[in-house]
């Protein structure tokens, strides 16, 4: 069976995250989005985004990396300004899927921010 390897990164809220002012929180969120935009543009991240309706509220987002290994994806994700600030934590694992299946679009939505 042929498969393609990616890395699945889960972004979680820590059990006891530091407090941030509204301005600092907004600055960190902009830096976080910019960080992932640059990774997508560089081809290191296939896609990423927040999650909703999750049973575990600590889970805040996911990213699919094309970084070669879970260790490398973890290393890259830990440079996220929101992770550095302690707002998010990283879990990384290897994910396999059938070749060419990462191509279908989803239902378009628009969010604020």
PDB file of N, CA and C in Angstrom:
ATOM      1  N   UNK A   1       0.839  -1.178   0.000  1.00  0.00           N
ATOM      2  CA  UNK A   1       0.000   0.000   0.000  1.00  0.00           C
ATOM      3  C   UNK A   1       0.886   1.243   0.000  1.00  0.00           C
ATOM      4  N   UNK A   2       0.608   2.138  -0.918  1.00  0.00           N
ATOM      5  CA  UNK A   2       1.332   3.410  -1.006  1.00  0.00           C
ATOM      6  C   UNK A   2       0.656   4.438  -0.104  1.00  0.00           C
ATOM      7  N   UNK A   3       1.445   5.182   0.655  1.00  0.00           N
ATOM      8  CA  UNK A   3       0.930   6.242   1.512  1.00  0.00           C
ATOM      9  C   UNK A   3       1.840   7.457   1.429  1.00  0.00           C
ATOM     10  N   UNK A   4       1.311   8.614   1.790  1.00  0.00           N
ATOM     11  CA  UNK A   4       2.118   9.825   1.939  1.00  0.00           C
ATOM     12  C   UNK A   4       2.212  10.144   3.421  1.00  0.00           C
ATOM     13  N   UNK A   5       3.372  10.660   3.808  1.00  0.00           N
ATOM     14  CA  UNK A   5       3.600  10.986   5.210  1.00  0.00           C
ATOM     15  C   UNK A   5       3.517  12.488   5.425  1.00  0.00           C
ATOM     16  N   UNK A   6       2.769  12.885   6.421  1.00  0.00           N
ATOM     17  CA  UNK A   6       2.691  14.265   6.881  1.00  0.00           C
ATOM     18  C   UNK A   6       2.865  14.249   8.394  1.00  0.00           C
ATOM     19  N   UNK A   7       2.885  15.427   8.984  1.00  0.00           N
ATOM     20  CA  UNK A   7       2.933  15.519  10.431  1.00  0.00           C
ATOM     21  C   UNK A   7       1.709  16.309  10.886  1.00  0.00           C
ATOM     22  N   UNK A   8       0.993  15.751  11.837  1.00  0.00           N
ATOM     23  CA  UNK A   8      -0.171  16.399  12.419  1.00  0.00           C
ATOM     24  C   UNK A   8       0.277  17.095  13.696  1.00  0.00           C
ATOM     25  N   UNK A   9       0.039  18.392  13.752  1.00  0.00           N
ATOM     26  CA  UNK A   9       0.377  19.171  14.942  1.00  0.00           C
ATOM     27  C   UNK A   9      -0.926  19.654  15.569  1.00  0.00           C
ATOM     28  N   UNK A  10      -1.094  19.342  16.842  1.00  0.00           N
ATOM     29  CA  UNK A  10      -2.223  19.823  17.618  1.00  0.00           C
ATOM     30  C   UNK A  10      -1.747  20.991  18.471  1.00  0.00           C
ATOM     31  N   UNK A  11      -2.495  22.068  18.448  1.00  0.00           N
ATOM     32  CA  UNK A  11      -2.199  23.224  19.287  1.00  0.00           C
ATOM     33  C   UNK A  11      -3.207  23.246  20.421  1.00  0.00           C
ATOM     34  N   UNK A  12      -2.698  23.219  21.643  1.00  0.00           N
ATOM     35  CA  UNK A  12      -3.549  23.133  22.829  1.00  0.00           C
ATOM     36  C   UNK A  12      -3.292  24.310  23.762  1.00  0.00           C
ATOM     37  N   UNK A  13      -4.351  24.700  24.469  1.00  0.00           N
ATOM     38  CA  UNK A  13      -4.217  25.697  25.529  1.00  0.00           C
ATOM     39  C   UNK A  13      -3.599  24.986  26.730  1.00  0.00           C
ATOM     40  N   UNK A  14      -2.541  25.539  27.320  1.00  0.00           N
ATOM     41  CA  UNK A  14      -1.942  24.918  28.509  1.00  0.00           C
ATOM     42  C   UNK A  14      -2.927  24.922  29.688  1.00  0.00           C
ATOM     43  N   UNK A  15      -2.683  24.070  30.651  1.00  0.00           N
ATOM     44  CA  UNK A  15      -3.543  23.992  31.834  1.00  0.00           C
ATOM     45  C   UNK A  15      -3.568  25.312  32.597  1.00  0.00           C
ATOM     46  N   UNK A  16      -2.450  26.024  32.639  1.00  0.00           N
ATOM     47  CA  UNK A  16      -2.370  27.280  33.385  1.00  0.00           C
ATOM     48  C   UNK A  16      -1.642  28.330  32.529  1.00  0.00           C
ATOM     49  N   UNK A  17      -2.300  28.818  31.463  1.00  0.00           N
ATOM     50  CA  UNK A  17      -1.619  29.772  30.574  1.00  0.00           C
ATOM     51  C   UNK A  17      -1.432  31.128  31.258  1.00  0.00           C
ATOM     52  N   UNK A  18      -0.419  31.879  30.847  1.00  0.00           N
ATOM     53  CA  UNK A  18      -0.234  33.219  31.408  1.00  0.00           C
ATOM     54  C   UNK A  18      -1.373  34.150  30.975  1.00  0.00           C
ATOM     55  N   UNK A  19      -1.601  35.184  31.769  1.00  0.00           N
ATOM     56  CA  UNK A  19      -2.608  36.198  31.443  1.00  0.00           C
ATOM     57  C   UNK A  19      -1.993  37.222  30.489  1.00  0.00           C
ATOM     58  N   UNK A  20      -2.794  37.686  29.523  1.00  0.00           N
ATOM     59  CA  UNK A  20      -2.360  38.710  28.581  1.00  0.00           C
ATOM     60  C   UNK A  20      -3.411  39.804  28.524  1.00  0.00           C
ATOM     61  N   UNK A  21      -2.963  41.037  28.349  1.00  0.00           N
ATOM     62  CA  UNK A  21      -3.909  42.123  28.114  1.00  0.00           C
ATOM     63  C   UNK A  21      -4.578  41.882  26.769  1.00  0.00           C
ATOM     64  N   UNK A  22      -5.704  42.557  26.540  1.00  0.00           N
ATOM     65  CA  UNK A  22      -6.384  42.415  25.245  1.00  0.00           C
ATOM     66  C   UNK A  22      -5.452  42.780  24.099  1.00  0.00           C
ATOM     67  N   UNK A  23      -4.691  43.865  24.274  1.00  0.00           N
ATOM     68  CA  UNK A  23      -3.777  44.307  23.210  1.00  0.00           C
ATOM     69  C   UNK A  23      -2.690  43.271  22.955  1.00  0.00           C
ATOM     70  N   UNK A  24      -2.109  42.721  24.026  1.00  0.00           N
ATOM     71  CA  UNK A  24      -1.061  41.711  23.865  1.00  0.00           C
ATOM     72  C   UNK A  24      -1.630  40.429  23.262  1.00  0.00           C
ATOM     73  N   UNK A  25      -2.818  40.045  23.673  1.00  0.00           N
ATOM     74  CA  UNK A  25      -3.464  38.869  23.100  1.00  0.00           C
ATOM     75  C   UNK A  25      -3.707  39.039  21.614  1.00  0.00           C
ATOM     76  N   UNK A  26      -4.175  40.211  21.204  1.00  0.00           N
ATOM     77  CA  UNK A  26      -4.400  40.484  19.776  1.00  0.00           C
ATOM     78  C   UNK A  26      -3.085  40.496  19.006  1.00  0.00           C
ATOM     79  N   UNK A  27      -2.034  41.073  19.603  1.00  0.00           N
ATOM     80  CA  UNK A  27      -0.719  41.090  18.955  1.00  0.00           C
ATOM     81  C   UNK A  27      -0.205  39.661  18.769  1.00  0.00           C
ATOM     82  N   UNK A  28      -0.340  38.830  19.799  1.00  0.00           N
ATOM     83  CA  UNK A  28       0.097  37.438  19.702  1.00  0.00           C
ATOM     84  C   UNK A  28      -0.695  36.671  18.645  1.00  0.00           C
ATOM     85  N   UNK A  29      -1.998  36.928  18.564  1.00  0.00           N
ATOM     86  CA  UNK A  29      -2.822  36.234  17.566  1.00  0.00           C
ATOM     87  C   UNK A  29      -2.407  36.634  16.157  1.00  0.00           C
ATOM     88  N   UNK A  30      -2.134  37.919  15.934  1.00  0.00           N
ATOM     89  CA  UNK A  30      -1.657  38.362  14.607  1.00  0.00           C
ATOM     90  C   UNK A  30      -0.317  37.717  14.273  1.00  0.00           C
ATOM     91  N   UNK A  31       0.584  37.665  15.261  1.00  0.00           N
ATOM     92  CA  UNK A  31       1.898  37.048  15.036  1.00  0.00           C
ATOM     93  C   UNK A  31       1.755  35.551  14.764  1.00  0.00           C
ATOM     94  N   UNK A  32       0.842  34.898  15.477  1.00  0.00           N
ATOM     95  CA  UNK A  32       0.575  33.461  15.275  1.00  0.00           C
ATOM     96  C   UNK A  32       0.070  33.216  13.856  1.00  0.00           C
ATOM     97  N   UNK A  33      -0.909  34.011  13.413  1.00  0.00           N
ATOM     98  CA  UNK A  33      -1.437  33.839  12.046  1.00  0.00           C
ATOM     99  C   UNK A  33      -0.353  34.112  11.003  1.00  0.00           C
ATOM    100  N   UNK A  34       0.449  35.145  11.219  1.00  0.00           N
ATOM    101  CA  UNK A  34       1.535  35.453  10.284  1.00  0.00           C
ATOM    102  C   UNK A  34       2.576  34.347  10.231  1.00  0.00           C
ATOM    103  N   UNK A  35       2.872  33.759  11.382  1.00  0.00           N
ATOM    104  CA  UNK A  35       3.827  32.652  11.459  1.00  0.00           C
ATOM    105  C   UNK A  35       3.355  31.490  10.586  1.00  0.00           C
ATOM    106  N   UNK A  36       2.085  31.109  10.723  1.00  0.00           N
ATOM    107  CA  UNK A  36       1.571  29.992   9.932  1.00  0.00           C
ATOM    108  C   UNK A  36       1.403  30.363   8.458  1.00  0.00           C
ATOM    109  N   UNK A  37       1.089  31.609   8.165  1.00  0.00           N
ATOM    110  CA  UNK A  37       1.033  32.026   6.762  1.00  0.00           C
ATOM    111  C   UNK A  37       2.404  31.869   6.114  1.00  0.00           C
ATOM    112  N   UNK A  38       3.461  32.263   6.823  1.00  0.00           N
ATOM    113  CA  UNK A  38       4.808  32.126   6.261  1.00  0.00           C
ATOM    114  C   UNK A  38       5.188  30.663   6.076  1.00  0.00           C
ATOM    115  N   UNK A  39       4.747  29.785   6.984  1.00  0.00           N
ATOM    116  CA  UNK A  39       5.030  28.351   6.834  1.00  0.00           C
ATOM    117  C   UNK A  39       4.287  27.758   5.649  1.00  0.00           C
ATOM    118  N   UNK A  40       3.041  28.206   5.426  1.00  0.00           N
ATOM    119  CA  UNK A  40       2.298  27.730   4.241  1.00  0.00           C
ATOM    120  C   UNK A  40       3.004  28.195   2.972  1.00  0.00           C
ATOM    121  N   UNK A  41       3.404  29.463   2.934  1.00  0.00           N
ATOM    122  CA  UNK A  41       4.081  30.005   1.751  1.00  0.00           C
ATOM    123  C   UNK A  41       5.401  29.292   1.477  1.00  0.00           C
ATOM    124  N   UNK A  42       6.086  28.848   2.532  1.00  0.00           N
ATOM    125  CA  UNK A  42       7.363  28.142   2.384  1.00  0.00           C
ATOM    126  C   UNK A  42       7.177  26.660   2.070  1.00  0.00           C
ATOM    127  N   UNK A  43       5.929  26.173   2.102  1.00  0.00           N
ATOM    128  CA  UNK A  43       5.664  24.766   1.814  1.00  0.00           C
ATOM    129  C   UNK A  43       5.890  23.836   2.986  1.00  0.00           C
ATOM    130  N   UNK A  44       6.130  24.371   4.182  1.00  0.00           N
ATOM    131  CA  UNK A  44       6.340  23.523   5.356  1.00  0.00           C
ATOM    132  C   UNK A  44       5.020  23.094   5.993  1.00  0.00           C
ATOM    133  N   UNK A  45       3.963  23.874   5.758  1.00  0.00           N
ATOM    134  CA  UNK A  45       2.633  23.547   6.266  1.00  0.00           C
ATOM    135  C   UNK A  45       1.689  23.446   5.083  1.00  0.00           C
ATOM    136  N   UNK A  46       0.937  22.348   5.011  1.00  0.00           N
ATOM    137  CA  UNK A  46      -0.031  22.143   3.945  1.00  0.00           C
ATOM    138  C   UNK A  46      -1.272  22.977   4.218  1.00  0.00           C
ATOM    139  N   UNK A  47      -1.752  22.903   5.456  1.00  0.00           N
ATOM    140  CA  UNK A  47      -2.909  23.694   5.877  1.00  0.00           C
ATOM    141  C   UNK A  47      -2.930  23.741   7.393  1.00  0.00           C
ATOM    142  N   UNK A  48      -3.675  24.687   7.923  1.00  0.00           N
ATOM    143  CA  UNK A  48      -3.807  24.837   9.374  1.00  0.00           C
ATOM    144  C   UNK A  48      -5.035  25.671   9.683  1.00  0.00           C
ATOM    145  N   UNK A  49      -5.470  25.624  10.915  1.00  0.00           N
ATOM    146  CA  UNK A  49      -6.567  26.483  11.328  1.00  0.00           C
ATOM    147  C   UNK A  49      -7.135  26.091  12.676  1.00  0.00           C
ATOM    148  N   UNK A  50      -8.030  26.944  13.173  1.00  0.00           N
ATOM    149  CA  UNK A  50      -8.655  26.680  14.475  1.00  0.00           C
ATOM    150  C   UNK A  50      -9.710  25.592  14.361  1.00  0.00           C
ATOM    151  N   UNK A  51     -10.086  25.049  15.510  1.00  0.00           N
ATOM    152  CA  UNK A  51     -11.170  24.075  15.563  1.00  0.00           C
ATOM    153  C   UNK A  51     -12.304  24.631  16.417  1.00  0.00           C
ATOM    154  N   UNK A  52     -13.523  24.201  16.095  1.00  0.00           N
ATOM    155  CA  UNK A  52     -14.695  24.529  16.910  1.00  0.00           C
ATOM    156  C   UNK A  52     -15.484  23.245  17.120  1.00  0.00           C
ATOM    157  N   UNK A  53     -16.392  23.265  18.041  1.00  0.00           N
ATOM    158  CA  UNK A  53     -17.238  22.102  18.351  1.00  0.00           C
ATOM    159  C   UNK A  53     -16.433  20.899  18.829  1.00  0.00           C
ATOM    160  N   UNK A  54     -15.218  21.124  19.315  1.00  0.00           N
ATOM    161  CA  UNK A  54     -14.383  20.033  19.802  1.00  0.00           C
ATOM    162  C   UNK A  54     -14.805  19.638  21.214  1.00  0.00           C
ATOM    163  N   UNK A  55     -14.759  18.343  21.535  1.00  0.00           N
ATOM    164  CA  UNK A  55     -15.157  17.900  22.873  1.00  0.00           C
ATOM    165  C   UNK A  55     -14.155  18.336  23.954  1.00  0.00           C
ATOM    166  N   UNK A  56     -12.914  18.580  23.568  1.00  0.00           N
ATOM    167  CA  UNK A  56     -11.873  19.014  24.506  1.00  0.00           C
ATOM    168  C   UNK A  56     -11.570  20.476  24.199  1.00  0.00           C
ATOM    169  N   UNK A  57     -12.045  21.391  25.034  1.00  0.00           N
ATOM    170  CA  UNK A  57     -11.878  22.829  24.795  1.00  0.00           C
ATOM    171  C   UNK A  57     -10.422  23.275  24.804  1.00  0.00           C
ATOM    172  N   UNK A  58      -9.519  22.468  25.360  1.00  0.00           N
ATOM    173  CA  UNK A  58      -8.100  22.823  25.339  1.00  0.00           C
ATOM    174  C   UNK A  58      -7.530  22.745  23.924  1.00  0.00           C
ATOM    175  N   UNK A  59      -8.124  21.924  23.063  1.00  0.00           N
ATOM    176  CA  UNK A  59      -7.664  21.819  21.678  1.00  0.00           C
ATOM    177  C   UNK A  59      -8.101  23.071  20.934  1.00  0.00           C
ATOM    178  N   UNK A  60      -7.142  23.848  20.455  1.00  0.00           N
ATOM    179  CA  UNK A  60      -7.427  25.140  19.832  1.00  0.00           C
ATOM    180  C   UNK A  60      -7.253  25.140  18.323  1.00  0.00           C
ATOM    181  N   UNK A  61      -6.353  24.292  17.798  1.00  0.00           N
ATOM    182  CA  UNK A  61      -6.131  24.283  16.362  1.00  0.00           C
ATOM    183  C   UNK A  61      -5.305  23.091  15.931  1.00  0.00           C
ATOM    184  N   UNK A  62      -5.274  22.887  14.606  1.00  0.00           N
ATOM    185  CA  UNK A  62      -4.458  21.818  14.030  1.00  0.00           C
ATOM    186  C   UNK A  62      -3.672  22.369  12.845  1.00  0.00           C
ATOM    187  N   UNK A  63      -2.598  21.697  12.540  1.00  0.00           N
ATOM    188  CA  UNK A  63      -1.807  22.022  11.353  1.00  0.00           C
ATOM    189  C   UNK A  63      -1.303  20.716  10.759  1.00  0.00           C
ATOM    190  N   UNK A  64      -1.305  20.648   9.442  1.00  0.00           N
ATOM    191  CA  UNK A  64      -0.722  19.515   8.726  1.00  0.00           C
ATOM    192  C   UNK A  64       0.596  20.005   8.137  1.00  0.00           C
ATOM    193  N   UNK A  65       1.685  19.464   8.643  1.00  0.00           N
ATOM    194  CA  UNK A  65       3.022  19.840   8.210  1.00  0.00           C
ATOM    195  C   UNK A  65       3.537  18.876   7.151  1.00  0.00           C
ATOM    196  N   UNK A  66       4.447  19.353   6.327  1.00  0.00           N
ATOM    197  CA  UNK A  66       5.234  18.539   5.402  1.00  0.00           C
ATOM    198  C   UNK A  66       6.699  18.816   5.745  1.00  0.00           C
ATOM    199  N   UNK A  67       7.088  18.402   6.956  1.00  0.00           N
ATOM    200  CA  UNK A  67       8.396  18.756   7.502  1.00  0.00           C
ATOM    201  C   UNK A  67       9.364  17.590   7.552  1.00  0.00           C
ATOM    202  N   UNK A  68       8.915  16.388   7.170  1.00  0.00           N
ATOM    203  CA  UNK A  68       9.807  15.245   7.124  1.00  0.00           C
ATOM    204  C   UNK A  68       9.755  14.347   8.344  1.00  0.00           C
ATOM    205  N   UNK A  69       9.490  14.916   9.530  1.00  0.00           N
ATOM    206  CA  UNK A  69       9.402  14.102  10.747  1.00  0.00           C
ATOM    207  C   UNK A  69       8.590  14.847  11.797  1.00  0.00           C
ATOM    208  N   UNK A  70       8.053  14.088  12.736  1.00  0.00           N
ATOM    209  CA  UNK A  70       7.307  14.704  13.833  1.00  0.00           C
ATOM    210  C   UNK A  70       8.227  15.586  14.671  1.00  0.00           C
ATOM    211  N   UNK A  71       9.471  15.149  14.863  1.00  0.00           N
ATOM    212  CA  UNK A  71      10.415  15.968  15.636  1.00  0.00           C
ATOM    213  C   UNK A  71      10.665  17.310  14.964  1.00  0.00           C
ATOM    214  N   UNK A  72      10.835  17.304  13.645  1.00  0.00           N
ATOM    215  CA  UNK A  72      11.078  18.560  12.923  1.00  0.00           C
ATOM    216  C   UNK A  72       9.824  19.445  12.955  1.00  0.00           C
ATOM    217  N   UNK A  73       8.650  18.860  12.779  1.00  0.00           N
ATOM    218  CA  UNK A  73       7.409  19.641  12.849  1.00  0.00           C
ATOM    219  C   UNK A  73       7.260  20.265  14.237  1.00  0.00           C
ATOM    220  N   UNK A  74       7.547  19.500  15.277  1.00  0.00           N
ATOM    221  CA  UNK A  74       7.464  20.008  16.649  1.00  0.00           C
ATOM    222  C   UNK A  74       8.432  21.173  16.830  1.00  0.00           C
ATOM    223  N   UNK A  75       9.643  21.009  16.345  1.00  0.00           N
ATOM    224  CA  UNK A  75      10.664  22.061  16.462  1.00  0.00           C
ATOM    225  C   UNK A  75      10.196  23.353  15.777  1.00  0.00           C
ATOM    226  N   UNK A  76       9.665  23.218  14.574  1.00  0.00           N
ATOM    227  CA  UNK A  76       9.172  24.390  13.842  1.00  0.00           C
ATOM    228  C   UNK A  76       7.995  25.016  14.593  1.00  0.00           C
ATOM    229  N   UNK A  77       7.023  24.193  15.003  1.00  0.00           N
ATOM    230  CA  UNK A  77       5.816  24.706  15.660  1.00  0.00           C
ATOM    231  C   UNK A  77       6.137  25.389  16.987  1.00  0.00           C
ATOM    232  N   UNK A  78       7.184  24.972  17.651  1.00  0.00           N
ATOM    233  CA  UNK A  78       7.543  25.584  18.928  1.00  0.00           C
ATOM    234  C   UNK A  78       8.106  26.994  18.760  1.00  0.00           C
ATOM    235  N   UNK A  79       8.392  27.414  17.526  1.00  0.00           N
ATOM    236  CA  UNK A  79       8.829  28.781  17.262  1.00  0.00           C
ATOM    237  C   UNK A  79       7.650  29.736  17.066  1.00  0.00           C
ATOM    238  N   UNK A  80       6.422  29.214  17.043  1.00  0.00           N
ATOM    239  CA  UNK A  80       5.208  30.026  16.939  1.00  0.00           C
ATOM    240  C   UNK A  80       5.210  31.030  18.098  1.00  0.00           C
ATOM    241  N   UNK A  81       5.029  32.323  17.821  1.00  0.00           N
ATOM    242  CA  UNK A  81       5.023  33.314  18.904  1.00  0.00           C
ATOM    243  C   UNK A  81       4.021  33.005  20.012  1.00  0.00           C
ATOM    244  N   UNK A  82       2.879  32.403  19.692  1.00  0.00           N
ATOM    245  CA  UNK A  82       1.889  32.053  20.717  1.00  0.00           C
ATOM    246  C   UNK A  82       2.385  30.908  21.596  1.00  0.00           C
ATOM    247  N   UNK A  83       3.193  30.016  21.041  1.00  0.00           N
ATOM    248  CA  UNK A  83       3.785  28.925  21.817  1.00  0.00           C
ATOM    249  C   UNK A  83       4.905  29.482  22.691  1.00  0.00           C
ATOM    250  N   UNK A  84       5.763  30.308  22.103  1.00  0.00           N
ATOM    251  CA  UNK A  84       6.868  30.920  22.853  1.00  0.00           C
ATOM    252  C   UNK A  84       6.331  31.694  24.058  1.00  0.00           C
ATOM    253  N   UNK A  85       5.195  32.380  23.890  1.00  0.00           N
ATOM    254  CA  UNK A  85       4.592  33.177  24.960  1.00  0.00           C
ATOM    255  C   UNK A  85       3.853  32.324  25.988  1.00  0.00           C
ATOM    256  N   UNK A  86       3.691  31.026  25.736  1.00  0.00           N
ATOM    257  CA  UNK A  86       2.997  30.159  26.672  1.00  0.00           C
ATOM    258  C   UNK A  86       1.486  30.111  26.483  1.00  0.00           C
ATOM    259  N   UNK A  87       0.999  30.718  25.423  1.00  0.00           N
ATOM    260  CA  UNK A  87      -0.445  30.722  25.156  1.00  0.00           C
ATOM    261  C   UNK A  87      -0.920  29.386  24.582  1.00  0.00           C
ATOM    262  N   UNK A  88      -0.044  28.689  23.851  1.00  0.00           N
ATOM    263  CA  UNK A  88      -0.356  27.396  23.246  1.00  0.00           C
ATOM    264  C   UNK A  88       0.765  26.405  23.527  1.00  0.00           C
ATOM    265  N   UNK A  89       0.418  25.127  23.486  1.00  0.00           N
ATOM    266  CA  UNK A  89       1.387  24.037  23.560  1.00  0.00           C
ATOM    267  C   UNK A  89       1.262  23.197  22.297  1.00  0.00           C
ATOM    268  N   UNK A  90       2.312  22.486  21.962  1.00  0.00           N
ATOM    269  CA  UNK A  90       2.395  21.713  20.719  1.00  0.00           C
ATOM    270  C   UNK A  90       2.417  20.215  21.016  1.00  0.00           C
ATOM    271  N   UNK A  91       1.617  19.466  20.275  1.00  0.00           N
ATOM    272  CA  UNK A  91       1.730  18.011  20.204  1.00  0.00           C
ATOM    273  C   UNK A  91       1.946  17.678  18.737  1.00  0.00           C
ATOM    274  N   UNK A  92       2.930  16.846  18.431  1.00  0.00           N
ATOM    275  CA  UNK A  92       3.219  16.498  17.034  1.00  0.00           C
ATOM    276  C   UNK A  92       3.269  14.987  16.881  1.00  0.00           C
ATOM    277  N   UNK A  93       2.756  14.524  15.747  1.00  0.00           N
ATOM    278  CA  UNK A  93       2.752  13.099  15.444  1.00  0.00           C
ATOM    279  C   UNK A  93       2.825  12.903  13.934  1.00  0.00           C
ATOM    280  N   UNK A  94       3.198  11.718  13.518  1.00  0.00           N
ATOM    281  CA  UNK A  94       3.224  11.381  12.100  1.00  0.00           C
ATOM    282  C   UNK A  94       1.840  10.917  11.677  1.00  0.00           C
ATOM    283  N   UNK A  95       1.442  11.353  10.484  1.00  0.00           N
ATOM    284  CA  UNK A  95       0.129  10.980   9.938  1.00  0.00           C
ATOM    285  C   UNK A  95       0.335  10.492   8.513  1.00  0.00           C
ATOM    286  N   UNK A  96      -0.260   9.373   8.174  1.00  0.00           N
ATOM    287  CA  UNK A  96      -0.188   8.816   6.829  1.00  0.00           C
ATOM    288  C   UNK A  96      -1.557   8.899   6.173  1.00  0.00           C
ATOM    289  N   UNK A  97      -1.561   9.154   4.879  1.00  0.00           N
ATOM    290  CA  UNK A  97      -2.822   9.154   4.134  1.00  0.00           C
ATOM    291  C   UNK A  97      -2.554   8.666   2.711  1.00  0.00           C
ATOM    292  N   UNK A  98      -3.597   8.247   2.005  1.00  0.00           N
ATOM    293  CA  UNK A  98      -3.423   7.822   0.626  1.00  0.00           C
ATOM    294  C   UNK A  98      -2.892   8.975  -0.235  1.00  0.00           C
ATOM    295  N   UNK A  99      -2.016   8.693  -1.187  1.00  0.00           N
ATOM    296  CA  UNK A  99      -1.447   9.743  -2.036  1.00  0.00           C
ATOM    297  C   UNK A  99      -2.525  10.558  -2.750  1.00  0.00           C
ATOM    298  N   UNK A 100      -2.312  11.863  -2.787  1.00  0.00           N
ATOM    299  CA  UNK A 100      -3.174  12.750  -3.549  1.00  0.00           C
ATOM    300  C   UNK A 100      -4.509  13.084  -2.924  1.00  0.00           C
ATOM    301  N   UNK A 101      -4.740  12.671  -1.679  1.00  0.00           N
ATOM    302  CA  UNK A 101      -6.053  12.923  -1.079  1.00  0.00           C
ATOM    303  C   UNK A 101      -6.144  14.274  -0.359  1.00  0.00           C
ATOM    304  N   UNK A 102      -5.086  15.033  -0.282  1.00  0.00           N
ATOM    305  CA  UNK A 102      -5.098  16.334   0.396  1.00  0.00           C
ATOM    306  C   UNK A 102      -5.420  17.444  -0.608  1.00  0.00           C
ATOM    307  N   UNK A 103      -6.459  17.262  -1.431  1.00  0.00           N
ATOM    308  CA  UNK A 103      -6.710  18.215  -2.514  1.00  0.00           C
ATOM    309  C   UNK A 103      -8.119  18.790  -2.565  1.00  0.00           C
ATOM    310  N   UNK A 104      -9.076  18.252  -1.847  1.00  0.00           N
ATOM    311  CA  UNK A 104     -10.454  18.729  -1.939  1.00  0.00           C
ATOM    312  C   UNK A 104     -10.679  19.959  -1.091  1.00  0.00           C
ATOM    313  N   UNK A 105     -11.423  20.905  -1.596  1.00  0.00           N
ATOM    314  CA  UNK A 105     -11.770  22.104  -0.845  1.00  0.00           C
ATOM    315  C   UNK A 105     -12.911  21.824   0.123  1.00  0.00           C
ATOM    316  N   UNK A 106     -13.039  22.705   1.096  1.00  0.00           N
ATOM    317  CA  UNK A 106     -14.109  22.589   2.086  1.00  0.00           C
ATOM    318  C   UNK A 106     -15.205  23.619   1.816  1.00  0.00           C
ATOM    319  N   UNK A 107     -16.071  23.778   2.785  1.00  0.00           N
ATOM    320  CA  UNK A 107     -17.161  24.755   2.698  1.00  0.00           C
ATOM    321  C   UNK A 107     -16.597  26.109   3.118  1.00  0.00           C
ATOM    322  N   UNK A 108     -16.680  27.154   2.261  1.00  0.00           N
ATOM    323  CA  UNK A 108     -16.113  28.456   2.599  1.00  0.00           C
ATOM    324  C   UNK A 108     -16.858  29.118   3.762  1.00  0.00           C
ATOM    325  N   UNK A 109     -16.095  29.715   4.680  1.00  0.00           N
ATOM    326  CA  UNK A 109     -16.643  30.526   5.770  1.00  0.00           C
ATOM    327  C   UNK A 109     -15.762  31.753   5.930  1.00  0.00           C
ATOM    328  N   UNK A 110     -16.255  32.764   6.623  1.00  0.00           N
ATOM    329  CA  UNK A 110     -15.481  33.956   6.942  1.00  0.00           C
ATOM    330  C   UNK A 110     -15.579  34.180   8.449  1.00  0.00           C
ATOM    331  N   UNK A 111     -14.434  34.455   9.088  1.00  0.00           N
ATOM    332  CA  UNK A 111     -14.432  34.771  10.527  1.00  0.00           C
ATOM    333  C   UNK A 111     -13.799  36.132  10.714  1.00  0.00           C
ATOM    334  N   UNK A 112     -14.110  36.782  11.805  1.00  0.00           N
ATOM    335  CA  UNK A 112     -13.505  38.069  12.138  1.00  0.00           C
ATOM    336  C   UNK A 112     -12.067  37.875  12.557  1.00  0.00           C
ATOM    337  N   UNK A 113     -11.244  38.862  12.270  1.00  0.00           N
ATOM    338  CA  UNK A 113      -9.871  38.841  12.777  1.00  0.00           C
ATOM    339  C   UNK A 113      -8.900  38.537  11.737  1.00  0.00           C
TER     340      UNK A 113
END
